[in-house]
Amino acid sequence: MDTEILKVTGMKRDGLFRLAQSRITMEQFLPAHGVPGEPGMQAVTSIASVPLDDRSWQLFAEGEVVVVAAGIVTHGSAAC
């Protein structure tokens, strides 16, 4: 992880980060790589121990548990 990104965003390193996004899938990419599905929009949620770039990564709350299904965070809660 580039330390400069952490300085610019003001994020700390402790914990896990998530980035939820939608992207357009490419028709040629899917069959060529054995990925089932149709071209179109695809939901993607990335989870990492540090932000991987300068996009809007969100820090998990301490004790937070999330459920990701089909690329979308479907449930989330912080433990009490």
Foldseek 3Di string as FASTA:
>chain_A
DDVVLCVVVVDDQPAKWKDKDKDWDDQVPQVVVVHDDHTGIAIAMDMDSGDPDNDDIGGADAQKDFDADRNRTDDIDHDD
